[in-house]
Amino acid sequence: MAAYTEPERRVVTPEDVEKWIDSPAYNLVVNFVQGLQELVVGMTNDAKIEVPEVVEKIVEVLNQVDGLIDKHPVIHEKDISRFGKVEFRDFYDELQEKAADFVKPLIKLVEDDPGVELRKYLTESWGNRTRIDYGNYT
């Protein structure tokens, strides 16, 4: 049984980046992404493929998040900075509140319970609550 813990930010300085680049985990991530790229070489965007159940469940989670984004749209006002936007804080708070329910279908696909990690990655993927911005989303 795997031991899951709440992820914490560890890459914050240039020295941390160097450690990350030299780590086995970095190579795993790069190889995974390169493997995904190789799988689609020569395929068209409308190619018929078999979609694994886990991918369908991830798309369902992303659709739920998309609904929250629609519920909390960015208000574009000329004189207001994107930092401190209330709509992001509201989006982030609601996402954090619903994250456990959103990831339940994914947890059911594995023997262990990676919920603590999935919830954190899901909520932190959209920006930073402390800085209160949409990260790269806007």
C-alpha atoms as a PDB file:
ATOM      1  CA  MET A   1       0.000   0.000   0.000  1.00  0.00           C
ATOM      2  CA  ALA A   2       1.399   3.364  -1.049  1.00  0.00           C
ATOM      3  CA  ALA A   3       1.785   6.130   1.504  1.00  0.00           C
ATOM      4  CA  TYR A   4       0.336   9.389   0.242  1.00  0.00           C
ATOM      5  CA  THR A   5       1.099  12.746   1.831  1.00  0.00           C
ATOM      6  CA  GLU A   6      -0.050  16.259   1.106  1.00  0.00           C
ATOM      7  CA  PRO A   7       2.322  17.732  -1.482  1.00  0.00           C
ATOM      8  CA  GLU A   8       4.300  20.780  -0.489  1.00  0.00           C
ATOM      9  CA  ARG A   9       6.176  23.270  -2.600  1.00  0.00           C
ATOM     10  CA  ARG A  10       9.875  22.452  -2.678  1.00  0.00           C
ATOM     11  CA  VAL A  11      11.168  24.067  -5.853  1.00  0.00           C
ATOM     12  CA  VAL A  12      11.418  27.750  -4.987  1.00  0.00           C
ATOM     13  CA  THR A  13      15.007  28.838  -5.677  1.00  0.00           C
ATOM     14  CA  PRO A  14      17.321  28.483  -8.683  1.00  0.00           C
ATOM     15  CA  GLU A  15      19.282  25.902  -6.680  1.00  0.00           C
ATOM     16  CA  ASP A  16      16.070  23.917  -6.159  1.00  0.00           C
ATOM     17  CA  VAL A  17      15.454  23.990  -9.908  1.00  0.00           C
ATOM     18  CA  GLU A  18      18.909  22.540 -10.517  1.00  0.00           C
ATOM     19  CA  LYS A  19      18.247  19.747  -7.983  1.00  0.00           C
ATOM     20  CA  TRP A  20      14.896  19.060  -9.667  1.00  0.00           C
ATOM     21  CA  ILE A  21      16.459  18.860 -13.143  1.00  0.00           C
ATOM     22  CA  ASP A  22      19.063  16.406 -11.832  1.00  0.00           C
ATOM     23  CA  SER A  23      16.474  14.210 -10.070  1.00  0.00           C
ATOM     24  CA  PRO A  24      15.056  10.843 -11.181  1.00  0.00           C
ATOM     25  CA  ALA A  25      11.542  12.317 -10.789  1.00  0.00           C
ATOM     26  CA  TYR A  26      12.304  14.989 -13.387  1.00  0.00           C
ATOM     27  CA  ASN A  27      13.397  12.308 -15.847  1.00  0.00           C
ATOM     28  CA  LEU A  28      10.203  10.348 -15.174  1.00  0.00           C
ATOM     29  CA  VAL A  29       8.064  13.387 -15.962  1.00  0.00           C
ATOM     30  CA  VAL A  30      10.011  14.263 -19.122  1.00  0.00           C
ATOM     31  CA  ASN A  31       9.937  10.657 -20.340  1.00  0.00           C
ATOM     32  CA  PHE A  32       6.194  10.463 -19.663  1.00  0.00           C
ATOM     33  CA  VAL A  33       5.495  13.625 -21.668  1.00  0.00           C
ATOM     34  CA  GLN A  34       7.785  12.483 -24.489  1.00  0.00           C
ATOM     35  CA  GLY A  35       6.010   9.131 -24.512  1.00  0.00           C
ATOM     36  CA  LEU A  36       2.663  10.888 -24.874  1.00  0.00           C
ATOM     37  CA  GLN A  37       4.070  12.904 -27.755  1.00  0.00           C
ATOM     38  CA  GLU A  38       5.316   9.764 -29.509  1.00  0.00           C
ATOM     39  CA  LEU A  39       1.889   8.137 -29.174  1.00  0.00           C
ATOM     40  CA  VAL A  40       0.255  10.811 -31.329  1.00  0.00           C
ATOM     41  CA  VAL A  41       2.894  11.224 -34.035  1.00  0.00           C
ATOM     42  CA  GLY A  42       1.196  10.795 -37.388  1.00  0.00           C
ATOM     43  CA  MET A  43      -2.331  10.967 -35.969  1.00  0.00           C
ATOM     44  CA  THR A  44      -4.892  13.542 -37.005  1.00  0.00           C
ATOM     45  CA  ASN A  45      -6.852  15.534 -34.415  1.00  0.00           C
ATOM     46  CA  ASP A  46     -10.005  13.634 -35.321  1.00  0.00           C
ATOM     47  CA  ALA A  47      -8.435  10.158 -35.238  1.00  0.00           C
ATOM     48  CA  LYS A  48     -10.610   7.539 -33.559  1.00  0.00           C
ATOM     49  CA  ILE A  49      -8.861   6.203 -30.473  1.00  0.00           C
ATOM     50  CA  GLU A  50      -9.792   4.087 -27.490  1.00  0.00           C
ATOM     51  CA  VAL A  51     -10.076   6.327 -24.450  1.00  0.00           C
ATOM     52  CA  PRO A  52      -9.124   4.620 -21.166  1.00  0.00           C
ATOM     53  CA  GLU A  53     -11.581   4.928 -18.276  1.00  0.00           C
ATOM     54  CA  VAL A  54      -9.113   6.958 -16.215  1.00  0.00           C
ATOM     55  CA  VAL A  55      -8.859   9.544 -19.008  1.00  0.00           C
ATOM     56  CA  GLU A  56     -12.654   9.759 -19.218  1.00  0.00           C
ATOM     57  CA  LYS A  57     -12.775  10.354 -15.443  1.00  0.00           C
ATOM     58  CA  ILE A  58     -10.107  13.068 -15.657  1.00  0.00           C
ATOM     59  CA  VAL A  59     -12.076  14.794 -18.423  1.00  0.00           C
ATOM     60  CA  GLU A  60     -15.161  14.667 -16.183  1.00  0.00           C
ATOM     61  CA  VAL A  61     -13.188  16.364 -13.386  1.00  0.00           C
ATOM     62  CA  LEU A  62     -11.962  19.042 -15.796  1.00  0.00           C
ATOM     63  CA  ASN A  63     -15.520  19.614 -17.010  1.00  0.00           C
ATOM     64  CA  GLN A  64     -16.618  20.159 -13.404  1.00  0.00           C
ATOM     65  CA  VAL A  65     -13.814  22.671 -12.901  1.00  0.00           C
ATOM     66  CA  ASP A  66     -14.830  24.345 -16.161  1.00  0.00           C
ATOM     67  CA  GLY A  67     -18.297  24.793 -14.671  1.00  0.00           C
ATOM     68  CA  LEU A  68     -16.760  26.562 -11.683  1.00  0.00           C
ATOM     69  CA  ILE A  69     -14.749  28.801 -13.996  1.00  0.00           C
ATOM     70  CA  ASP A  70     -17.956  29.742 -15.807  1.00  0.00           C
ATOM     71  CA  LYS A  71     -19.566  30.477 -12.434  1.00  0.00           C
ATOM     72  CA  HIS A  72     -16.703  32.820 -11.449  1.00  0.00           C
ATOM     73  CA  PRO A  73     -15.670  34.626 -14.666  1.00  0.00           C
ATOM     74  CA  VAL A  74     -12.875  37.161 -14.722  1.00  0.00           C
ATOM     75  CA  ILE A  75     -14.222  40.693 -14.788  1.00  0.00           C
ATOM     76  CA  HIS A  76     -12.076  42.762 -17.127  1.00  0.00           C
ATOM     77  CA  GLU A  77     -11.972  46.289 -15.813  1.00  0.00           C
ATOM     78  CA  LYS A  78      -9.433  48.797 -17.030  1.00  0.00           C
ATOM     79  CA  ASP A  79      -8.448  50.181 -13.618  1.00  0.00           C
ATOM     80  CA  ILE A  80      -8.323  46.940 -11.617  1.00  0.00           C
ATOM     81  CA  SER A  81      -5.256  44.729 -11.377  1.00  0.00           C
ATOM     82  CA  ARG A  82      -5.695  41.009 -11.916  1.00  0.00           C
ATOM     83  CA  PHE A  83      -4.085  40.583  -8.498  1.00  0.00           C
ATOM     84  CA  GLY A  84      -6.606  40.588  -5.700  1.00  0.00           C
ATOM     85  CA  LYS A  85      -9.539  39.680  -7.910  1.00  0.00           C
ATOM     86  CA  VAL A  86     -12.447  38.515  -5.793  1.00  0.00           C
ATOM     87  CA  GLU A  87     -13.736  36.205  -8.516  1.00  0.00           C
ATOM     88  CA  PHE A  88     -10.549  34.135  -8.346  1.00  0.00           C
ATOM     89  CA  ARG A  89     -10.729  33.883  -4.570  1.00  0.00           C
ATOM     90  CA  ASP A  90     -14.345  32.718  -4.863  1.00  0.00           C
ATOM     91  CA  PHE A  91     -13.424  30.201  -7.595  1.00  0.00           C
ATOM     92  CA  TYR A  92     -10.498  28.881  -5.572  1.00  0.00           C
ATOM     93  CA  ASP A  93     -12.554  28.583  -2.374  1.00  0.00           C
ATOM     94  CA  GLU A  94     -15.345  26.703  -4.133  1.00  0.00           C
ATOM     95  CA  LEU A  95     -12.858  24.434  -5.894  1.00  0.00           C
ATOM     96  CA  GLN A  96     -11.203  23.636  -2.581  1.00  0.00           C
ATOM     97  CA  GLU A  97     -14.610  22.915  -1.066  1.00  0.00           C
ATOM     98  CA  LYS A  98     -15.576  20.550  -3.906  1.00  0.00           C
ATOM     99  CA  ALA A  99     -12.188  18.976  -4.687  1.00  0.00           C
ATOM    100  CA  ALA A 100     -12.789  15.847  -2.585  1.00  0.00           C
ATOM    101  CA  ASP A 101     -16.015  15.119  -4.478  1.00  0.00           C
ATOM    102  CA  PHE A 102     -14.404  15.915  -7.828  1.00  0.00           C
ATOM    103  CA  VAL A 103     -11.576  13.380  -7.334  1.00  0.00           C
ATOM    104  CA  LYS A 104     -13.711  10.558  -5.838  1.00  0.00           C
ATOM    105  CA  PRO A 105     -14.247   8.872  -9.233  1.00  0.00           C
ATOM    106  CA  LEU A 106     -10.475   8.800  -9.767  1.00  0.00           C
ATOM    107  CA  ILE A 107      -9.785   7.349  -6.322  1.00  0.00           C
ATOM    108  CA  LYS A 108     -12.187   4.476  -7.030  1.00  0.00           C
ATOM    109  CA  LEU A 109      -9.926   3.388  -9.911  1.00  0.00           C
ATOM    110  CA  VAL A 110      -6.963   2.528  -7.641  1.00  0.00           C
ATOM    111  CA  GLU A 111      -6.500   0.290  -4.608  1.00  0.00           C
ATOM    112  CA  ASP A 112      -4.968   2.948  -2.396  1.00  0.00           C
ATOM    113  CA  ASP A 113      -6.413   6.357  -1.575  1.00  0.00           C
ATOM    114  CA  PRO A 114      -4.336   9.109  -3.215  1.00  0.00           C
ATOM    115  CA  GLY A 115      -7.018  11.679  -2.385  1.00  0.00           C
ATOM    116  CA  VAL A 116      -4.773  13.912  -0.282  1.00  0.00           C
ATOM    117  CA  GLU A 117      -2.404  14.337  -3.224  1.00  0.00           C
ATOM    118  CA  LEU A 118      -5.058  14.578  -5.932  1.00  0.00           C
ATOM    119  CA  ARG A 119      -6.992  17.265  -4.061  1.00  0.00           C
ATOM    120  CA  LYS A 120      -3.878  19.383  -3.577  1.00  0.00           C
ATOM    121  CA  TYR A 121      -2.729  19.057  -7.191  1.00  0.00           C
ATOM    122  CA  LEU A 122      -6.236  19.818  -8.450  1.00  0.00           C
ATOM    123  CA  THR A 123      -6.668  22.939  -6.341  1.00  0.00           C
ATOM    124  CA  GLU A 124      -3.136  24.283  -6.856  1.00  0.00           C
ATOM    125  CA  SER A 125      -3.162  23.752 -10.642  1.00  0.00           C
ATOM    126  CA  TRP A 126      -5.213  26.867 -11.363  1.00  0.00           C
ATOM    127  CA  GLY A 127      -3.199  29.600  -9.712  1.00  0.00           C
ATOM    128  CA  ASN A 128      -2.195  30.749  -6.289  1.00  0.00           C
ATOM    129  CA  ARG A 129      -4.772  31.553  -3.583  1.00  0.00           C
ATOM    130  CA  THR A 130      -2.303  33.665  -1.610  1.00  0.00           C
ATOM    131  CA  ARG A 131      -1.414  35.857  -4.596  1.00  0.00           C
ATOM    132  CA  ILE A 132      -5.083  35.659  -5.612  1.00  0.00           C
ATOM    133  CA  ASP A 133      -4.677  35.411  -9.353  1.00  0.00           C
ATOM    134  CA  TYR A 134      -5.559  32.988 -12.098  1.00  0.00           C
ATOM    135  CA  GLY A 135      -1.946  32.063 -12.757  1.00  0.00           C
ATOM    136  CA  ASN A 136      -1.546  31.421 -16.477  1.00  0.00           C
ATOM    137  CA  TYR A 137      -5.259  30.810 -16.966  1.00  0.00           C
ATOM    138  CA  THR A 138      -6.251  34.384 -17.879  1.00  0.00           C
END
